Amino acid sequence: MQVVTYFRVSTAAQGRSGLGLEAQRHAVQGFCRQRGCEVLAEYMEIESGKRNDRPELQRALHHAKVTGATLVVAKMDRLSRNAAFLLALRDSGARLIAADQPDVNELTVGILAVIAEDERRRISERTAAALQAAKARGTKLGNPNGAAAIRRAARGNGAAVSALKAAADRHAADLAPVVAHLKSEGCGSLRELAAGLNERRMRTPRGGAWYPTSVKNLLARLEAL
């Protein structure tokens, strides 16, 4: 089987580092080896899955159509989470295969497209609700006093320490839907999650930017909740 491969990452940082892209290539290459595919061309794009105007995807689709090849992606959401867009691709005449679901047919592509869009909507609603709840509680994203506040609490009584811990737990809980959304978009590493949080202008409890180490602490706190 002749194939054209397409990879998408959401941020420029992922594109430069290869994070996310490497995992997609691994999945597609494994599929191609298993099926004995001949790869005619590879296309890669740095763009959010929310956007449908993606020139590299259009080039990949055109290449597949004119050569009679099949377009192969790592996961269906690398194409889009927009149901109408996925259905339009299905009806474009190009054959599509997702390495993680190689037996999906034209009917199930439509079903999966609707499910993917519904999940995107639900994640967005949960994120908005969580942030609204945090605002209603008076929680602020970020702590301008940072380490100084922690040192003051350490010198103070146990109640102050408990209050700081509770505030950190609430901050982590508020960010849980955002983290879940990023993971659903393929951000699996600490570096990818940090880039995604920074891209969405989310702040650490101290009001700063996210780094792999701070994301690691956030995930550990979420697991403990």
C-alpha atoms as a PDB file:
ATOM      1  CA  MET A   1       0.000   0.000   0.000  1.00  0.00           C
ATOM      2  CA  GLN A   2       1.315   3.430  -0.932  1.00  0.00           C
ATOM      3  CA  VAL A   3       0.819   6.100   1.717  1.00  0.00           C
ATOM      4  CA  VAL A   4       1.321   9.794   2.388  1.00  0.00           C
ATOM      5  CA  THR A   5       1.917  10.621   6.042  1.00  0.00           C
ATOM      6  CA  TYR A   6       0.758  13.741   7.885  1.00  0.00           C
ATOM      7  CA  PHE A   7       1.857  14.932  11.327  1.00  0.00           C
ATOM      8  CA  ARG A   8       0.577  17.890  13.330  1.00  0.00           C
ATOM      9  CA  VAL A   9       1.857  19.553  16.482  1.00  0.00           C
ATOM     10  CA  SER A  10       0.065  22.384  18.250  1.00  0.00           C
ATOM     11  CA  THR A  11       2.937  24.697  19.143  1.00  0.00           C
ATOM     12  CA  ALA A  12       6.127  25.979  17.577  1.00  0.00           C
ATOM     13  CA  ALA A  13       8.064  24.705  20.603  1.00  0.00           C
ATOM     14  CA  GLN A  14       6.850  21.179  19.910  1.00  0.00           C
ATOM     15  CA  GLY A  15       7.784  21.568  16.267  1.00  0.00           C
ATOM     16  CA  ARG A  16      11.317  22.742  17.042  1.00  0.00           C
ATOM     17  CA  SER A  17      11.963  20.151  19.741  1.00  0.00           C
ATOM     18  CA  GLY A  18      10.340  17.190  18.004  1.00  0.00           C
ATOM     19  CA  LEU A  19       8.281  16.478  21.113  1.00  0.00           C
ATOM     20  CA  GLY A  20       4.906  15.108  20.108  1.00  0.00           C
ATOM     21  CA  LEU A  21       6.128  14.766  16.536  1.00  0.00           C
ATOM     22  CA  GLU A  22       8.465  11.936  17.541  1.00  0.00           C
ATOM     23  CA  ALA A  23       5.634   9.950  19.126  1.00  0.00           C
ATOM     24  CA  GLN A  24       3.460  10.419  16.034  1.00  0.00           C
ATOM     25  CA  ARG A  25       6.257   9.259  13.737  1.00  0.00           C
ATOM     26  CA  HIS A  26       6.849   6.208  15.915  1.00  0.00           C
ATOM     27  CA  ALA A  27       3.163   5.215  15.683  1.00  0.00           C
ATOM     28  CA  VAL A  28       2.946   5.768  11.925  1.00  0.00           C
ATOM     29  CA  GLN A  29       6.243   4.019  11.178  1.00  0.00           C
ATOM     30  CA  GLY A  30       5.123   1.027  13.242  1.00  0.00           C
ATOM     31  CA  PHE A  31       1.876   0.868  11.270  1.00  0.00           C
ATOM     32  CA  CYS A  32       3.705   1.152   7.945  1.00  0.00           C
ATOM     33  CA  ARG A  33       6.151  -1.620   8.854  1.00  0.00           C
ATOM     34  CA  GLN A  34       3.309  -3.882   9.932  1.00  0.00           C
ATOM     35  CA  ARG A  35       1.320  -3.289   6.730  1.00  0.00           C
ATOM     36  CA  GLY A  36       4.335  -3.153   4.394  1.00  0.00           C
ATOM     37  CA  CYS A  37       3.532   0.391   3.255  1.00  0.00           C
ATOM     38  CA  GLU A  38       5.577   2.462   0.809  1.00  0.00           C
ATOM     39  CA  VAL A  39       5.776   6.053   2.063  1.00  0.00           C
ATOM     40  CA  LEU A  40       5.613   8.458  -0.882  1.00  0.00           C
ATOM     41  CA  ALA A  41       5.849  11.703   1.082  1.00  0.00           C
ATOM     42  CA  GLU A  42       5.692  13.166   4.569  1.00  0.00           C
ATOM     43  CA  TYR A  43       3.959  16.401   5.573  1.00  0.00           C
ATOM     44  CA  MET A  44       4.200  18.171   8.919  1.00  0.00           C
ATOM     45  CA  GLU A  45       2.296  21.174  10.246  1.00  0.00           C
ATOM     46  CA  ILE A  46       2.520  23.375  13.335  1.00  0.00           C
ATOM     47  CA  GLU A  47      -1.050  24.442  13.962  1.00  0.00           C
ATOM     48  CA  SER A  48      -3.848  24.086  16.482  1.00  0.00           C
ATOM     49  CA  GLY A  49      -6.391  21.349  15.812  1.00  0.00           C
ATOM     50  CA  LYS A  50      -9.095  24.003  16.181  1.00  0.00           C
ATOM     51  CA  ARG A  51      -8.034  25.629  12.894  1.00  0.00           C
ATOM     52  CA  ASN A  52      -9.197  24.180   9.604  1.00  0.00           C
ATOM     53  CA  ASP A  53      -7.107  26.336   7.228  1.00  0.00           C
ATOM     54  CA  ARG A  54      -4.037  24.113   7.140  1.00  0.00           C
ATOM     55  CA  PRO A  55      -2.050  24.260   3.892  1.00  0.00           C
ATOM     56  CA  GLU A  56       0.193  21.263   4.653  1.00  0.00           C
ATOM     57  CA  LEU A  57      -2.829  19.060   5.265  1.00  0.00           C
ATOM     58  CA  GLN A  58      -4.335  20.196   1.972  1.00  0.00           C
ATOM     59  CA  ARG A  59      -1.069  19.393   0.195  1.00  0.00           C
ATOM     60  CA  ALA A  60      -0.975  15.969   1.835  1.00  0.00           C
ATOM     61  CA  LEU A  61      -4.576  15.256   0.801  1.00  0.00           C
ATOM     62  CA  HIS A  62      -3.900  16.398  -2.758  1.00  0.00           C
ATOM     63  CA  HIS A  63      -0.752  14.268  -2.962  1.00  0.00           C
ATOM     64  CA  ALA A  64      -2.691  11.236  -1.748  1.00  0.00           C
ATOM     65  CA  LYS A  65      -5.533  11.818  -4.217  1.00  0.00           C
ATOM     66  CA  VAL A  66      -3.401  12.309  -7.333  1.00  0.00           C
ATOM     67  CA  THR A  67      -1.242   9.268  -6.578  1.00  0.00           C
ATOM     68  CA  GLY A  68      -4.047   7.038  -5.341  1.00  0.00           C
ATOM     69  CA  ALA A  69      -2.252   6.719  -2.013  1.00  0.00           C
ATOM     70  CA  THR A  70      -3.763   6.601   1.469  1.00  0.00           C
ATOM     71  CA  LEU A  71      -3.266   9.445   3.943  1.00  0.00           C
ATOM     72  CA  VAL A  72      -1.961   8.046   7.239  1.00  0.00           C
ATOM     73  CA  VAL A  73      -1.963   9.922  10.559  1.00  0.00           C
ATOM     74  CA  ALA A  74      -1.024   8.767  14.050  1.00  0.00           C
ATOM     75  CA  LYS A  75      -4.429   9.602  15.547  1.00  0.00           C
ATOM     76  CA  MET A  76      -7.629  10.956  14.073  1.00  0.00           C
ATOM     77  CA  ASP A  77      -7.428  14.070  16.262  1.00  0.00           C
ATOM     78  CA  ARG A  78      -4.169  15.000  14.482  1.00  0.00           C
ATOM     79  CA  LEU A  79      -6.477  15.915  11.603  1.00  0.00           C
ATOM     80  CA  SER A  80      -9.071  17.837  13.574  1.00  0.00           C
ATOM     81  CA  ARG A  81     -11.559  17.764  16.447  1.00  0.00           C
ATOM     82  CA  ASN A  82     -14.106  19.569  14.314  1.00  0.00           C
ATOM     83  CA  ALA A  83     -16.824  17.151  13.160  1.00  0.00           C
ATOM     84  CA  ALA A  84     -17.768  19.091  10.028  1.00  0.00           C
ATOM     85  CA  PHE A  85     -14.114  19.337   8.983  1.00  0.00           C
ATOM     86  CA  LEU A  86     -13.503  15.601   9.477  1.00  0.00           C
ATOM     87  CA  LEU A  87     -16.657  14.733   7.587  1.00  0.00           C
ATOM     88  CA  ALA A  88     -15.588  17.019   4.729  1.00  0.00           C
ATOM     89  CA  LEU A  89     -12.251  15.207   4.608  1.00  0.00           C
ATOM     90  CA  ARG A  90     -14.059  11.900   4.549  1.00  0.00           C
ATOM     91  CA  ASP A  91     -16.091  13.049   1.573  1.00  0.00           C
ATOM     92  CA  SER A  92     -13.083  14.566  -0.256  1.00  0.00           C
ATOM     93  CA  GLY A  93     -12.264  11.305  -2.007  1.00  0.00           C
ATOM     94  CA  ALA A  94      -8.947  10.717  -0.243  1.00  0.00           C
ATOM     95  CA  ARG A  95      -8.549   7.514   1.744  1.00  0.00           C
ATOM     96  CA  LEU A  96      -7.696   8.080   5.415  1.00  0.00           C
ATOM     97  CA  ILE A  97      -6.204   5.768   8.030  1.00  0.00           C
ATOM     98  CA  ALA A  98      -5.306   6.497  11.659  1.00  0.00           C
ATOM     99  CA  ALA A  99      -2.483   4.275  12.920  1.00  0.00           C
ATOM    100  CA  ASP A 100      -4.173   3.823  16.306  1.00  0.00           C
ATOM    101  CA  GLN A 101      -7.505   2.850  14.673  1.00  0.00           C
ATOM    102  CA  PRO A 102      -6.598   1.296  11.305  1.00  0.00           C
ATOM    103  CA  ASP A 103      -9.940  -0.475  10.866  1.00  0.00           C
ATOM    104  CA  VAL A 104     -12.057   2.686  11.020  1.00  0.00           C
ATOM    105  CA  ASN A 105     -14.332   2.932   7.981  1.00  0.00           C
ATOM    106  CA  GLU A 106     -16.352   5.771   6.437  1.00  0.00           C
ATOM    107  CA  LEU A 107     -19.248   5.246   8.857  1.00  0.00           C
ATOM    108  CA  THR A 108     -17.138   5.161  12.001  1.00  0.00           C
ATOM    109  CA  VAL A 109     -15.090   8.181  10.904  1.00  0.00           C
ATOM    110  CA  GLY A 110     -18.315  10.170  11.067  1.00  0.00           C
ATOM    111  CA  ILE A 111     -19.174   8.797  14.505  1.00  0.00           C
ATOM    112  CA  LEU A 112     -15.669   9.450  15.833  1.00  0.00           C
ATOM    113  CA  ALA A 113     -15.747  12.975  14.400  1.00  0.00           C
ATOM    114  CA  VAL A 114     -18.923  13.805  16.303  1.00  0.00           C
ATOM    115  CA  ILE A 115     -17.539  12.237  19.499  1.00  0.00           C
ATOM    116  CA  ALA A 116     -14.266  14.175  19.169  1.00  0.00           C
ATOM    117  CA  GLU A 117     -16.078  17.483  18.731  1.00  0.00           C
ATOM    118  CA  ASP A 118     -18.404  16.752  21.655  1.00  0.00           C
ATOM    119  CA  GLU A 119     -15.433  15.947  23.891  1.00  0.00           C
ATOM    120  CA  ARG A 120     -13.704  19.182  22.836  1.00  0.00           C
ATOM    121  CA  ARG A 121     -16.865  21.097  23.757  1.00  0.00           C
ATOM    122  CA  ARG A 122     -17.173  19.326  27.109  1.00  0.00           C
ATOM    123  CA  ILE A 123     -13.515  19.972  27.976  1.00  0.00           C
ATOM    124  CA  SER A 124     -13.960  23.640  27.113  1.00  0.00           C
ATOM    125  CA  GLU A 125     -17.099  23.861  29.255  1.00  0.00           C
ATOM    126  CA  ARG A 126     -15.414  22.120  32.198  1.00  0.00           C
ATOM    127  CA  THR A 127     -12.413  24.441  31.925  1.00  0.00           C
ATOM    128  CA  ALA A 128     -14.636  27.533  31.860  1.00  0.00           C
ATOM    129  CA  ALA A 129     -16.720  26.241  34.788  1.00  0.00           C
ATOM    130  CA  ALA A 130     -13.624  25.459  36.853  1.00  0.00           C
ATOM    131  CA  LEU A 131     -12.139  28.903  36.244  1.00  0.00           C
ATOM    132  CA  GLN A 132     -15.474  30.561  37.033  1.00  0.00           C
ATOM    133  CA  ALA A 133     -15.735  28.575  40.271  1.00  0.00           C
ATOM    134  CA  ALA A 134     -12.218  29.640  41.204  1.00  0.00           C
ATOM    135  CA  LYS A 135     -13.109  33.265  40.537  1.00  0.00           C
ATOM    136  CA  ALA A 136     -16.267  32.951  42.645  1.00  0.00           C
ATOM    137  CA  ARG A 137     -14.194  31.587  45.528  1.00  0.00           C
ATOM    138  CA  GLY A 138     -11.856  34.545  45.226  1.00  0.00           C
ATOM    139  CA  THR A 139      -8.961  32.366  44.085  1.00  0.00           C
ATOM    140  CA  LYS A 140      -6.347  34.210  42.070  1.00  0.00           C
ATOM    141  CA  LEU A 141      -4.163  32.476  39.483  1.00  0.00           C
ATOM    142  CA  GLY A 142      -0.780  33.284  40.864  1.00  0.00           C
ATOM    143  CA  ASN A 143       0.731  34.299  44.190  1.00  0.00           C
ATOM    144  CA  PRO A 144       2.688  37.570  43.981  1.00  0.00           C
ATOM    145  CA  ASN A 145       4.439  36.876  47.281  1.00  0.00           C
ATOM    146  CA  GLY A 146       5.572  33.410  46.188  1.00  0.00           C
ATOM    147  CA  ALA A 147       8.435  31.991  48.205  1.00  0.00           C
ATOM    148  CA  ALA A 148       8.237  34.819  50.727  1.00  0.00           C
ATOM    149  CA  ALA A 149       4.716  33.780  51.667  1.00  0.00           C
ATOM    150  CA  ILE A 150       5.833  30.181  52.132  1.00  0.00           C
ATOM    151  CA  ARG A 151       8.733  31.245  54.356  1.00  0.00           C
ATOM    152  CA  ARG A 152       6.409  33.404  56.455  1.00  0.00           C
ATOM    153  CA  ALA A 153       4.026  30.493  56.825  1.00  0.00           C
ATOM    154  CA  ALA A 154       6.846  28.162  57.823  1.00  0.00           C
ATOM    155  CA  ARG A 155       7.809  30.563  60.612  1.00  0.00           C
ATOM    156  CA  GLY A 156       4.194  30.895  61.650  1.00  0.00           C
ATOM    157  CA  ASN A 157       1.665  28.411  62.924  1.00  0.00           C
ATOM    158  CA  GLY A 158       0.350  25.215  61.410  1.00  0.00           C
ATOM    159  CA  ALA A 159      -2.888  26.887  60.356  1.00  0.00           C
ATOM    160  CA  ALA A 160      -1.010  29.180  57.985  1.00  0.00           C
ATOM    161  CA  VAL A 161       0.849  26.258  56.464  1.00  0.00           C
ATOM    162  CA  SER A 162      -2.425  24.380  56.014  1.00  0.00           C
ATOM    163  CA  ALA A 163      -3.998  27.425  54.391  1.00  0.00           C
ATOM    164  CA  LEU A 164      -1.170  27.677  51.862  1.00  0.00           C
ATOM    165  CA  LYS A 165      -1.418  23.974  51.089  1.00  0.00           C
ATOM    166  CA  ALA A 166      -5.174  24.271  50.626  1.00  0.00           C
ATOM    167  CA  ALA A 167      -4.677  27.220  48.270  1.00  0.00           C
ATOM    168  CA  ALA A 168      -2.143  25.237  46.232  1.00  0.00           C
ATOM    169  CA  ASP A 169      -4.544  22.293  46.084  1.00  0.00           C
ATOM    170  CA  ARG A 170      -7.357  24.534  44.846  1.00  0.00           C
ATOM    171  CA  HIS A 171      -5.054  26.044  42.219  1.00  0.00           C
ATOM    172  CA  ALA A 172      -4.131  22.565  41.002  1.00  0.00           C
ATOM    173  CA  ALA A 173      -7.793  21.508  40.923  1.00  0.00           C
ATOM    174  CA  ASP A 174      -8.652  24.616  38.899  1.00  0.00           C
ATOM    175  CA  LEU A 175      -6.007  23.671  36.337  1.00  0.00           C
ATOM    176  CA  ALA A 176      -7.003  19.986  36.166  1.00  0.00           C
ATOM    177  CA  PRO A 177      -9.442  20.463  33.245  1.00  0.00           C
ATOM    178  CA  VAL A 178      -6.820  22.447  31.328  1.00  0.00           C
ATOM    179  CA  VAL A 179      -4.250  19.680  31.834  1.00  0.00           C
ATOM    180  CA  ALA A 180      -6.802  17.071  30.746  1.00  0.00           C
ATOM    181  CA  HIS A 181      -7.536  19.099  27.608  1.00  0.00           C
ATOM    182  CA  LEU A 182      -3.836  19.385  26.751  1.00  0.00           C
ATOM    183  CA  LYS A 183      -3.340  15.650  27.210  1.00  0.00           C
ATOM    184  CA  SER A 184      -6.313  14.951  24.960  1.00  0.00           C
ATOM    185  CA  GLU A 185      -4.597  17.080  22.276  1.00  0.00           C
ATOM    186  CA  GLY A 186      -1.501  14.889  22.449  1.00  0.00           C
ATOM    187  CA  CYS A 187       0.663  16.770  24.955  1.00  0.00           C
ATOM    188  CA  GLY A 188       2.206  13.849  26.796  1.00  0.00           C
ATOM    189  CA  SER A 189       5.552  15.094  28.076  1.00  0.00           C
ATOM    190  CA  LEU A 190       6.275  17.603  30.844  1.00  0.00           C
ATOM    191  CA  ARG A 191       7.807  19.984  28.302  1.00  0.00           C
ATOM    192  CA  GLU A 192       4.745  19.798  26.028  1.00  0.00           C
ATOM    193  CA  LEU A 193       2.376  20.405  28.941  1.00  0.00           C
ATOM    194  CA  ALA A 194       4.461  23.391  30.098  1.00  0.00           C
ATOM    195  CA  ALA A 195       4.362  24.867  26.580  1.00  0.00           C
ATOM    196  CA  GLY A 196       0.598  24.342  26.402  1.00  0.00           C
ATOM    197  CA  LEU A 197      -0.050  25.988  29.772  1.00  0.00           C
ATOM    198  CA  ASN A 198       2.140  28.949  28.859  1.00  0.00           C
ATOM    199  CA  GLU A 199       0.448  29.247  25.460  1.00  0.00           C
ATOM    200  CA  ARG A 200      -2.926  29.513  27.239  1.00  0.00           C
ATOM    201  CA  ARG A 201      -1.470  32.099  29.653  1.00  0.00           C
ATOM    202  CA  MET A 202      -2.037  29.907  32.690  1.00  0.00           C
ATOM    203  CA  ARG A 203       0.165  30.845  35.645  1.00  0.00           C
ATOM    204  CA  THR A 204       1.906  28.869  38.352  1.00  0.00           C
ATOM    205  CA  PRO A 205       0.801  29.368  41.980  1.00  0.00           C
ATOM    206  CA  ARG A 206       3.563  31.978  42.217  1.00  0.00           C
ATOM    207  CA  GLY A 207       2.376  33.805  39.116  1.00  0.00           C
ATOM    208  CA  GLY A 208       5.231  32.714  36.878  1.00  0.00           C
ATOM    209  CA  ALA A 209       5.697  30.657  33.717  1.00  0.00           C
ATOM    210  CA  TRP A 210       5.571  26.882  33.565  1.00  0.00           C
ATOM    211  CA  TYR A 211       8.614  24.634  33.233  1.00  0.00           C
ATOM    212  CA  PRO A 212       8.865  20.824  33.196  1.00  0.00           C
ATOM    213  CA  THR A 213       9.729  20.797  36.906  1.00  0.00           C
ATOM    214  CA  SER A 214       6.724  22.914  37.889  1.00  0.00           C
ATOM    215  CA  VAL A 215       4.441  20.766  35.701  1.00  0.00           C
ATOM    216  CA  LYS A 216       5.836  17.682  37.433  1.00  0.00           C
ATOM    217  CA  ASN A 217       4.902  19.197  40.802  1.00  0.00           C
ATOM    218  CA  LEU A 218       1.437  20.067  39.494  1.00  0.00           C
ATOM    219  CA  LEU A 219       0.812  16.498  38.278  1.00  0.00           C
ATOM    220  CA  ALA A 220       2.018  15.088  41.602  1.00  0.00           C
ATOM    221  CA  ARG A 221      -0.373  17.372  43.463  1.00  0.00           C
ATOM    222  CA  LEU A 222      -3.259  16.385  41.196  1.00  0.00           C
ATOM    223  CA  GLU A 223      -2.546  12.695  41.831  1.00  0.00           C
ATOM    224  CA  ALA A 224      -2.617  13.341  45.585  1.00  0.00           C
ATOM    225  CA  LEU A 225      -5.965  15.168  45.503  1.00  0.00           C
END
